[in-house]
Protein backbone atom coordinates (compact mmCIF):
# COMPACT_ATOMS: atom_id res chain seq x y z
CA MET A 1 138.28 114.61 93.07
CA GLU A 2 138.22 118.15 91.81
CA ARG A 3 136.99 119.30 95.20
CA HIS A 4 136.44 117.43 98.43
CA HIS A 5 134.60 119.63 100.84
CA ALA A 6 131.21 120.42 102.26
CA ARG A 7 129.44 123.51 101.00
CA VAL A 8 126.22 124.92 102.42
CA VAL A 9 123.43 125.39 99.90
CA PRO A 10 120.13 126.93 101.00
CA VAL A 11 117.31 124.45 100.48
CA LEU A 12 114.22 126.61 100.29
CA GLY A 13 111.00 124.90 101.18
CA VAL A 14 112.53 121.69 102.45
CA ILE A 15 111.80 122.54 106.05
CA SER A 16 108.09 122.76 105.27
CA LEU A 17 108.11 119.31 103.68
CA VAL A 18 110.30 117.35 106.04
CA ALA A 19 109.67 117.01 109.76
CA LEU A 20 113.05 117.30 111.38
CA ALA A 21 112.25 116.01 114.84
CA ALA A 22 113.82 112.64 115.53
CA CYS A 23 111.67 110.01 117.15
CA GLY A 24 113.59 108.25 119.89
CA THR A 25 117.14 108.40 121.07
CA SER A 26 118.42 104.86 121.48
CA THR A 27 122.04 104.77 120.34
CA SER A 28 123.73 101.90 118.51
CA SER A 29 127.01 101.44 116.69
CA GLY A 30 127.21 99.83 113.27
CA GLY A 31 129.85 98.06 111.26
CA GLY A 32 129.23 94.51 112.44
CA GLY A 33 131.15 95.17 115.63
CA ASN A 34 128.39 94.33 118.10
CA THR A 35 128.58 90.98 119.85
CA GLY A 36 125.84 88.78 121.18
CA SER A 37 127.47 88.05 124.52
CA GLY A 38 125.44 88.48 127.67
CA PRO A 39 121.65 88.69 127.51
CA LEU A 40 121.34 86.74 124.25
CA ASP A 41 123.70 83.86 125.04
CA SER A 42 120.73 81.60 125.72
CA CYS A 43 118.77 82.71 122.64
CA VAL A 44 117.64 79.69 120.62
CA GLY A 45 116.35 79.62 117.06
CA GLN A 46 116.59 81.54 113.83
CA VAL A 47 115.53 85.04 112.81
CA THR A 48 114.80 85.66 109.12
CA VAL A 49 115.51 88.91 107.28
CA ALA A 50 115.39 89.66 103.57
CA SER A 51 116.45 92.02 100.82
CA GLU A 52 114.41 93.03 97.79
CA LEU A 53 116.66 94.67 95.20
CA PRO A 54 117.29 94.51 91.42
CA THR A 55 120.30 92.24 91.08
CA SER A 56 120.13 91.18 87.43
CA GLY A 57 119.55 92.71 84.02
CA GLY A 58 120.23 96.39 83.46
CA ASP A 59 120.37 97.10 87.20
CA ALA A 60 122.78 94.26 88.03
CA ALA A 61 125.80 96.44 88.77
CA ILE A 62 124.17 99.02 91.03
CA GLY A 63 121.56 96.73 92.59
CA GLY A 64 123.92 93.80 92.91
CA GLY A 65 126.61 95.97 94.48
CA THR A 66 124.08 97.22 97.01
CA GLU A 67 122.93 93.69 97.84
CA LYS A 68 126.54 92.64 98.41
CA GLY A 69 126.72 95.24 101.18
CA VAL A 70 123.50 93.90 102.69
CA LYS A 71 124.81 90.35 102.70
CA MET A 72 128.11 91.40 104.28
CA ALA A 73 126.18 92.87 107.20
CA VAL A 74 124.34 89.58 107.75
CA ASP A 75 127.48 87.46 107.50
CA GLN A 76 129.41 89.70 109.88
CA ALA A 77 126.55 89.75 112.38
CA ASN A 78 126.36 85.96 112.36
CA ALA A 79 130.12 85.66 112.77
CA ALA A 80 130.08 88.14 115.66
CA LYS A 81 127.06 86.39 117.21
CA LEU A 82 125.12 89.64 117.32
CA LEU A 83 122.02 87.66 118.30
CA GLY A 84 123.92 85.42 120.70
CA GLY A 85 122.76 81.83 120.39
CA CYS A 86 120.25 82.72 117.66
CA THR A 87 121.27 82.80 114.01
CA ILE A 88 120.22 85.05 111.15
CA ASN A 89 118.66 83.53 108.05
CA TYR A 90 118.89 85.72 104.96
CA ILE A 91 116.62 85.64 101.91
CA ALA A 92 117.61 87.67 98.83
CA LYS A 93 114.92 88.57 96.27
CA ASP A 94 115.54 90.08 92.82
CA ASP A 95 112.90 92.48 91.49
CA SER A 96 114.30 92.54 87.96
CA SER A 97 112.12 90.59 85.56
CA VAL A 98 113.04 88.75 82.39
CA ALA A 99 110.30 90.62 80.56
CA LYS A 100 111.69 94.06 81.38
CA GLY A 101 115.34 93.17 81.77
CA LYS A 102 115.55 95.53 84.76
CA HIS A 103 113.61 96.51 87.89
CA ASP A 104 109.92 95.71 87.62
CA PRO A 105 107.26 96.96 90.08
CA GLN A 106 105.09 93.92 89.42
CA GLN A 107 107.96 91.57 90.25
CA GLY A 108 108.70 93.57 93.38
CA ALA A 109 105.09 93.29 94.52
CA GLN A 110 105.17 89.53 93.98
CA ASN A 111 108.40 89.27 95.94
CA VAL A 112 107.20 91.13 99.02
CA THR A 113 103.85 89.34 98.95
CA ALA A 114 105.75 86.08 99.30
CA LEU A 115 108.07 87.50 101.96
CA VAL A 116 105.36 88.88 104.24
CA ALA A 117 103.43 85.61 103.92
CA ASN A 118 106.43 83.95 105.55
CA GLN A 119 105.77 84.64 109.24
CA ALA A 120 109.46 84.17 110.01
CA VAL A 121 110.44 87.30 108.02
CA VAL A 122 110.69 90.29 110.36
CA GLY A 123 112.18 92.91 108.03
CA ILE A 124 113.11 93.70 104.43
CA ILE A 125 115.89 95.86 102.99
CA GLY A 126 114.73 97.57 99.82
CA PRO A 127 113.49 98.33 97.34
CA PHE A 128 116.06 100.19 95.28
CA ASN A 129 113.75 102.03 92.86
CA SER A 130 110.94 104.39 93.85
CA SER A 131 108.57 102.98 91.21
CA VAL A 132 108.97 99.56 92.81
CA ALA A 133 108.38 101.08 96.25
CA VAL A 134 104.98 102.39 95.14
CA ALA A 135 103.95 98.81 94.34
CA GLU A 136 105.43 97.27 97.48
CA LEU A 137 104.71 99.65 100.34
CA PRO A 138 100.94 99.02 100.70
CA ILE A 139 101.65 95.28 100.92
CA THR A 140 104.30 95.46 103.62
CA ASN A 141 102.42 98.16 105.52
CA LYS A 142 99.28 96.02 105.74
CA ALA A 143 101.39 93.09 106.90
CA GLY A 144 103.20 95.19 109.49
CA VAL A 145 106.66 94.37 108.14
CA VAL A 146 109.39 97.01 108.20
CA GLN A 147 111.13 98.05 104.98
CA ILE A 148 114.31 100.12 104.93
CA SER A 149 115.46 101.46 101.57
CA PRO A 150 119.06 102.37 100.83
CA SER A 151 118.21 104.44 97.76
CA ASN A 152 114.58 105.56 97.25
CA THR A 153 114.44 109.33 96.79
CA ASP A 154 110.93 110.17 95.56
CA PRO A 155 109.46 112.43 98.28
CA GLY A 156 105.94 111.16 97.61
CA LEU A 157 106.78 107.86 99.28
CA THR A 158 106.69 109.59 102.67
CA ILE A 159 105.53 113.19 102.29
CA PRO A 160 101.88 113.78 101.28
CA GLY A 161 101.41 116.21 98.40
CA SER A 162 105.05 116.22 97.30
CA ASP A 163 104.51 114.10 94.16
CA PRO A 164 101.25 114.55 92.22
CA ASP A 165 101.54 111.01 90.87
CA ILE A 166 101.66 109.36 94.30
CA ASP A 167 98.87 109.10 96.85
CA THR A 168 101.09 108.83 99.91
CA ALA A 169 98.20 107.84 102.19
CA SER A 170 97.49 104.81 100.00
CA LEU A 171 101.01 103.56 100.69
CA ARG A 172 100.17 103.47 104.41
CA PRO A 173 96.76 101.76 104.57
CA THR A 174 97.21 101.15 108.31
CA GLY A 175 98.09 104.80 108.90
CA LYS A 176 101.32 103.70 110.56
CA THR A 177 104.91 104.25 109.45
CA THR A 178 106.56 100.98 108.46
CA TYR A 179 108.87 102.27 105.71
CA PHE A 180 112.17 104.07 106.27
CA ARG A 181 115.02 105.29 104.07
CA VAL A 182 118.62 106.27 104.76
CA ILE A 183 118.99 108.66 101.79
CA SER A 184 117.37 112.09 101.47
CA ASN A 185 114.74 112.89 98.85
CA ASP A 186 114.43 114.55 95.46
CA VAL A 187 113.23 117.84 96.90
CA VAL A 188 116.75 118.24 98.24
CA GLN A 189 118.50 116.51 95.35
CA ALA A 190 116.87 118.73 92.72
CA GLU A 191 117.83 121.90 94.57
CA VAL A 192 121.41 120.67 94.82
CA MET A 193 121.64 119.99 91.08
CA SER A 194 119.89 123.23 90.11
CA GLU A 195 122.38 125.15 92.26
CA VAL A 196 125.26 123.33 90.57
CA ALA A 197 123.81 123.96 87.11
CA ALA A 198 122.96 127.63 87.54
CA LYS A 199 125.62 128.87 89.94
CA GLU A 200 128.65 126.63 89.47
CA LEU A 201 128.38 125.75 85.79
CA ASN A 202 126.62 128.99 84.80
CA LEU A 203 124.15 127.14 82.58
CA LYS A 204 121.22 129.09 81.16
CA LYS A 205 119.07 126.81 79.01
CA VAL A 206 118.27 123.19 79.80
CA TYR A 207 116.43 120.57 77.77
CA ASP A 208 114.85 118.08 80.19
CA ILE A 209 114.08 114.42 79.45
CA ASP A 210 112.46 112.08 81.98
CA ASP A 211 112.04 108.30 81.72
CA GLN A 212 108.32 108.24 82.65
CA GLU A 213 108.99 106.48 85.94
CA THR A 214 107.89 107.76 89.35
CA TYR A 215 111.41 108.78 90.36
CA GLY A 216 112.48 110.30 87.06
CA LYS A 217 109.37 112.40 86.50
CA ASP A 218 109.39 113.85 89.99
CA LEU A 219 113.11 114.62 89.98
CA SER A 220 112.70 116.45 86.67
CA ASN A 221 109.67 118.33 88.00
CA TYR A 222 111.60 119.65 90.98
CA PHE A 223 114.75 120.39 88.97
CA ASP A 224 112.80 122.39 86.37
CA LYS A 225 111.10 124.45 89.07
CA ASP A 226 114.31 125.13 90.99
CA PHE A 227 116.38 125.91 87.89
CA ALA A 228 113.75 128.45 86.81
CA LYS A 229 113.82 130.07 90.26
CA LEU A 230 117.54 130.63 89.77
CA GLY A 231 116.98 132.40 86.47
CA GLY A 232 117.44 129.44 84.14
CA THR A 233 115.14 128.48 81.28
CA VAL A 234 113.77 125.02 80.59
CA VAL A 235 113.55 125.20 76.80
CA LYS A 236 111.51 122.00 76.64
CA ARG A 237 110.46 119.05 78.78
CA VAL A 238 109.86 115.68 77.17
CA SER A 239 108.87 112.35 78.66
CA LEU A 240 110.12 109.17 76.98
CA PRO A 241 109.56 105.47 77.73
CA GLY A 242 112.28 103.68 79.66
CA ASP A 243 113.04 101.42 76.71
CA THR A 244 113.97 104.34 74.43
CA LYS A 245 117.16 103.61 72.47
CA ASP A 246 117.21 106.50 70.00
CA PHE A 247 117.41 109.98 71.49
CA ARG A 248 118.62 111.66 68.31
CA PRO A 249 115.33 113.47 67.56
CA GLN A 250 115.45 115.07 71.02
CA ILE A 251 119.14 115.90 70.64
CA THR A 252 118.46 117.65 67.34
CA GLU A 253 115.58 119.55 68.90
CA ALA A 254 117.67 120.58 71.92
CA GLN A 255 120.37 121.92 69.61
CA GLY A 256 117.81 123.89 67.65
CA LEU A 257 116.42 125.42 70.83
CA GLY A 258 119.86 126.59 71.90
CA ALA A 259 120.11 124.38 74.99
CA ASP A 260 123.47 124.50 76.75
CA SER A 261 122.60 121.49 78.90
CA VAL A 262 120.47 118.36 78.99
CA PHE A 263 118.98 117.06 82.23
CA PHE A 264 117.94 113.41 82.40
CA GLY A 265 115.44 112.51 85.09
CA GLY A 266 115.73 108.76 85.29
CA VAL A 267 117.93 105.73 85.83
CA ALA A 268 120.84 104.29 83.90
CA SER A 269 118.93 101.16 82.95
CA ASN A 270 116.49 103.47 81.15
CA GLY A 271 119.10 104.93 78.83
CA SER A 272 120.97 107.83 80.43
CA GLY A 273 124.28 106.48 79.12
CA ILE A 274 122.83 105.93 75.67
CA LEU A 275 121.64 109.53 75.63
CA LYS A 276 125.05 110.85 76.65
CA LYS A 277 126.83 108.82 73.97
CA GLN A 278 124.43 109.93 71.27
CA MET A 279 124.89 113.55 72.32
CA ALA A 280 128.65 113.20 71.84
CA ASP A 281 128.28 111.28 68.59
CA SER A 282 126.04 114.07 67.27
CA GLY A 283 128.62 116.72 68.12
CA PHE A 284 126.28 118.21 70.72
CA ASN A 285 128.60 119.37 73.48
CA ALA A 286 125.95 120.53 75.93
CA GLN A 287 126.51 119.69 79.60
CA PHE A 288 124.84 116.43 80.63
CA LEU A 289 123.18 116.52 84.07
CA SER A 290 121.26 113.92 86.04
CA GLY A 291 120.51 112.53 89.49
CA ASP A 292 121.43 109.48 91.54
CA GLY A 293 119.70 107.04 89.19
CA THR A 294 122.46 107.72 86.68
CA VAL A 295 125.41 107.27 89.08
CA ASP A 296 125.56 103.61 88.16
CA PRO A 297 128.28 101.58 86.39
CA GLN A 298 125.67 100.82 83.70
CA PHE A 299 125.92 104.44 82.56
CA PHE A 300 129.50 103.85 81.37
CA VAL A 301 128.64 100.45 79.91
CA ASP A 302 126.31 102.35 77.57
CA ALA A 303 128.22 105.63 77.18
CA GLY A 304 131.79 104.34 77.14
CA ALA A 305 134.42 107.07 77.09
CA GLN A 306 131.72 109.50 75.94
CA GLY A 307 130.34 109.41 79.47
CA ASP A 308 133.20 111.53 80.76
CA GLY A 309 132.21 115.06 81.68
CA ALA A 310 128.68 114.15 82.76
CA GLN A 311 127.66 115.44 86.18
CA ALA A 312 125.07 114.00 88.54
CA SER A 313 124.09 114.04 92.18
CA SER A 314 123.86 110.91 94.28
CA ALA A 315 124.28 109.54 97.77
CA PRO A 316 127.21 111.13 99.60
CA ASP A 317 130.50 109.47 98.76
CA THR A 318 131.34 107.43 101.83
CA THR A 319 134.59 105.94 100.55
CA LYS A 320 136.56 108.80 102.08
CA LEU A 321 134.87 108.58 105.48
CA SER A 322 136.85 107.01 108.31
CA SER A 323 133.63 105.33 109.45
CA ALA A 324 133.43 103.43 106.15
CA HIS A 325 137.11 102.63 105.64
CA GLN A 326 136.98 99.12 107.10
CA PHE A 327 133.84 98.20 105.18
CA VAL A 328 135.19 99.54 101.87
CA THR A 329 138.43 97.58 102.34
CA GLN A 330 136.66 94.36 103.32
CA TYR A 331 134.17 94.70 100.47
CA LYS A 332 136.97 94.92 97.92
CA GLN A 333 138.80 91.98 99.50
CA ARG A 334 135.67 89.86 99.51
CA TYR A 335 134.25 90.67 96.08
CA GLY A 336 137.31 91.82 94.15
CA GLN A 337 135.62 95.04 93.07
CA GLU A 338 135.00 98.57 94.28
CA VAL A 339 131.85 99.53 96.14
CA VAL A 340 129.03 101.10 94.15
CA ALA A 341 127.25 104.28 95.25
CA TYR A 342 124.82 102.44 97.51
CA SER A 343 126.90 99.53 98.87
CA THR A 344 127.52 101.26 102.19
CA TYR A 345 123.88 102.33 102.37
CA GLY A 346 122.68 98.76 101.93
CA TYR A 347 125.16 97.68 104.58
CA ASP A 348 123.90 100.23 107.08
CA CYS A 349 120.26 99.44 106.30
CA MET A 350 120.76 95.82 107.25
CA ASN A 351 122.80 96.70 110.32
CA ILE A 352 120.02 99.04 111.46
CA LEU A 353 117.48 96.24 111.04
CA LEU A 354 119.68 93.73 112.86
CA GLN A 355 120.33 96.13 115.72
CA ALA A 356 116.58 96.68 116.08
CA ILE A 357 116.04 92.90 116.18
CA HIS A 358 118.82 92.56 118.76
CA ASP A 359 117.16 95.16 120.98
CA VAL A 360 113.77 93.45 120.71
CA LEU A 361 115.27 90.11 121.73
CA VAL A 362 117.02 91.68 124.71
CA ALA A 363 113.78 93.35 125.81
CA ASN A 364 112.03 89.98 125.50
CA GLY A 365 114.35 88.29 127.97
CA GLY A 366 116.77 86.97 125.36
CA LYS A 367 114.14 84.99 123.49
CA ILE A 368 112.49 85.22 120.08
CA PRO A 369 108.92 86.49 120.65
CA ALA A 370 106.38 83.71 120.28
CA ASP A 371 103.93 85.94 118.40
CA PRO A 372 105.27 86.86 114.91
CA THR A 373 102.99 89.89 114.65
CA SER A 374 104.21 91.45 117.89
CA PHE A 375 107.80 90.64 116.91
CA ARG A 376 107.39 92.57 113.66
CA THR A 377 105.64 95.45 115.42
CA ASN A 378 108.35 95.77 118.04
CA VAL A 379 111.08 95.74 115.39
CA ILE A 380 109.36 98.64 113.60
CA ALA A 381 109.27 100.62 116.84
CA LYS A 382 112.98 100.02 117.44
CA VAL A 383 113.86 101.14 113.90
CA GLN A 384 111.73 104.27 114.30
CA GLY A 385 113.56 105.27 117.45
CA ILE A 386 117.08 104.27 116.51
CA ASP A 387 120.12 106.51 116.66
CA PHE A 388 122.57 104.48 114.61
CA LYS A 389 126.22 105.27 114.02
CA GLY A 390 127.38 103.32 110.99
CA THR A 391 129.49 103.54 107.87
CA ILE A 392 127.50 106.46 106.41
CA GLY A 393 127.55 108.38 109.68
CA GLU A 394 124.71 108.87 112.13
CA THR A 395 121.21 107.84 111.07
CA LYS A 396 117.98 108.92 112.73
CA PHE A 397 114.48 108.93 111.27
CA ASP A 398 111.66 111.44 111.49
CA ALA A 399 108.00 110.53 112.00
CA ASN A 400 107.56 109.86 108.27
CA GLY A 401 110.49 107.44 108.15
CA ASP A 402 112.82 109.89 106.41
CA THR A 403 116.46 110.21 107.40
CA LEU A 404 117.56 113.42 109.07
CA ASN A 405 120.68 113.42 106.85
CA HIS A 406 120.18 115.58 103.75
CA ASP A 407 123.62 115.60 102.14
CA PHE A 408 124.26 114.73 98.50
CA SER A 409 127.51 114.41 96.59
CA VAL A 410 128.02 115.71 93.07
CA TYR A 411 129.81 113.23 90.82
CA LYS A 412 131.60 113.76 87.52
CA GLY A 413 132.31 111.20 84.85
CA THR A 414 136.09 110.87 84.82
CA GLY A 415 138.12 108.15 83.13
CA GLY A 416 135.12 105.91 82.61
CA LYS A 417 133.77 106.02 86.14
CA TRP A 418 131.92 108.30 88.51
CA VAL A 419 134.15 110.36 90.80
CA ALA A 420 132.72 112.49 93.62
CA ARG A 421 133.94 116.07 93.39
CA GLU A 422 132.08 117.67 96.30
CA THR A 423 129.58 116.92 99.03
CA ILE A 424 126.86 119.47 99.57
CA SER A 425 125.22 119.91 102.95
CA PRO A 426 121.91 121.72 102.47
CA SER A 427 120.69 123.97 105.24
CA ALA A 428 117.13 123.55 106.47
CA SER A 429 116.32 127.22 106.26
């Protein structure tokens, strides 16, 4: 990495949007190291958990790599007898559709509808994309089934009024919090990238393209606002469909407007790598910027060597953390490949869910609750109050289900892959 340190960046306005008080203080340790000895030795039966992630099509690399982390958590928990005499049944759903060739909100909604109808399912890890979350959350909330996302960043999923395109209240028809996430939101992410653009890279004029999805539009909205606050100029903002393959008209326009940078609000499966390659092929050497949706191996599948030099924010790089060393090593041994940006986050999401289930079983005298509804409700309460120490560090949730961790790493395309160059720790002031 060019730099490997934490730097404090003021995050103006974040404190007014995010409640920072943790709910509950129960402490657990992650990493598959818990054992089921003692109060759960006599537990009999099977507990079912699920994941709902895009594991095929254009999202196969990033979504599949995340799901691999989820599955490792389940397999390790079963091997360690986390639930004592009870076993863990795991169902993996793919929200990519053949029609779209990538994540599809309609497919996600169908998946969770089937999952919540199965009374044995007590929790779901996912979804990966915020647009899919908008379709899924009302369904799981009505059913009283917990969802924990490793990667959703749109603030409108949890914070009313933060995304004009999302009616946050409609995602919680019961009025209760059933959705949680272990990554911070785009309010923070946009401020991080605007600081990098304006203060580190000294960029002055940005041309902004979003992919018309919930996540991409909102990230671009916040980036544009924050970049302007820092004295930058957004020379133009355009919104293009996710299946766009030819960005050359926009590249020509950006050149004509004197842009020294292009920001892409969107995901790799919607063409960020294609855009970067076409910029290079056109001789347009402006700085390419984006968010976590672009820190995906698919970006380099599309951009090739032309992807080098791009910069984007994403989940903090955990590969250098001592807490993640064992997982990263075991992941590579098991799958023969490196972790992706959200592998550790998927792993911790499932371990948080499993620890919550463990605690519910212990509180119920070492037995699976006879009433599926109360089982689900009690698991939600345990997740809400958890203080979990896992591969990504310590995770606690506020009343909205948001993590209290607000760090992001800035990655740079180097040698055909994303390399973290710094981790930024925003201050809530």
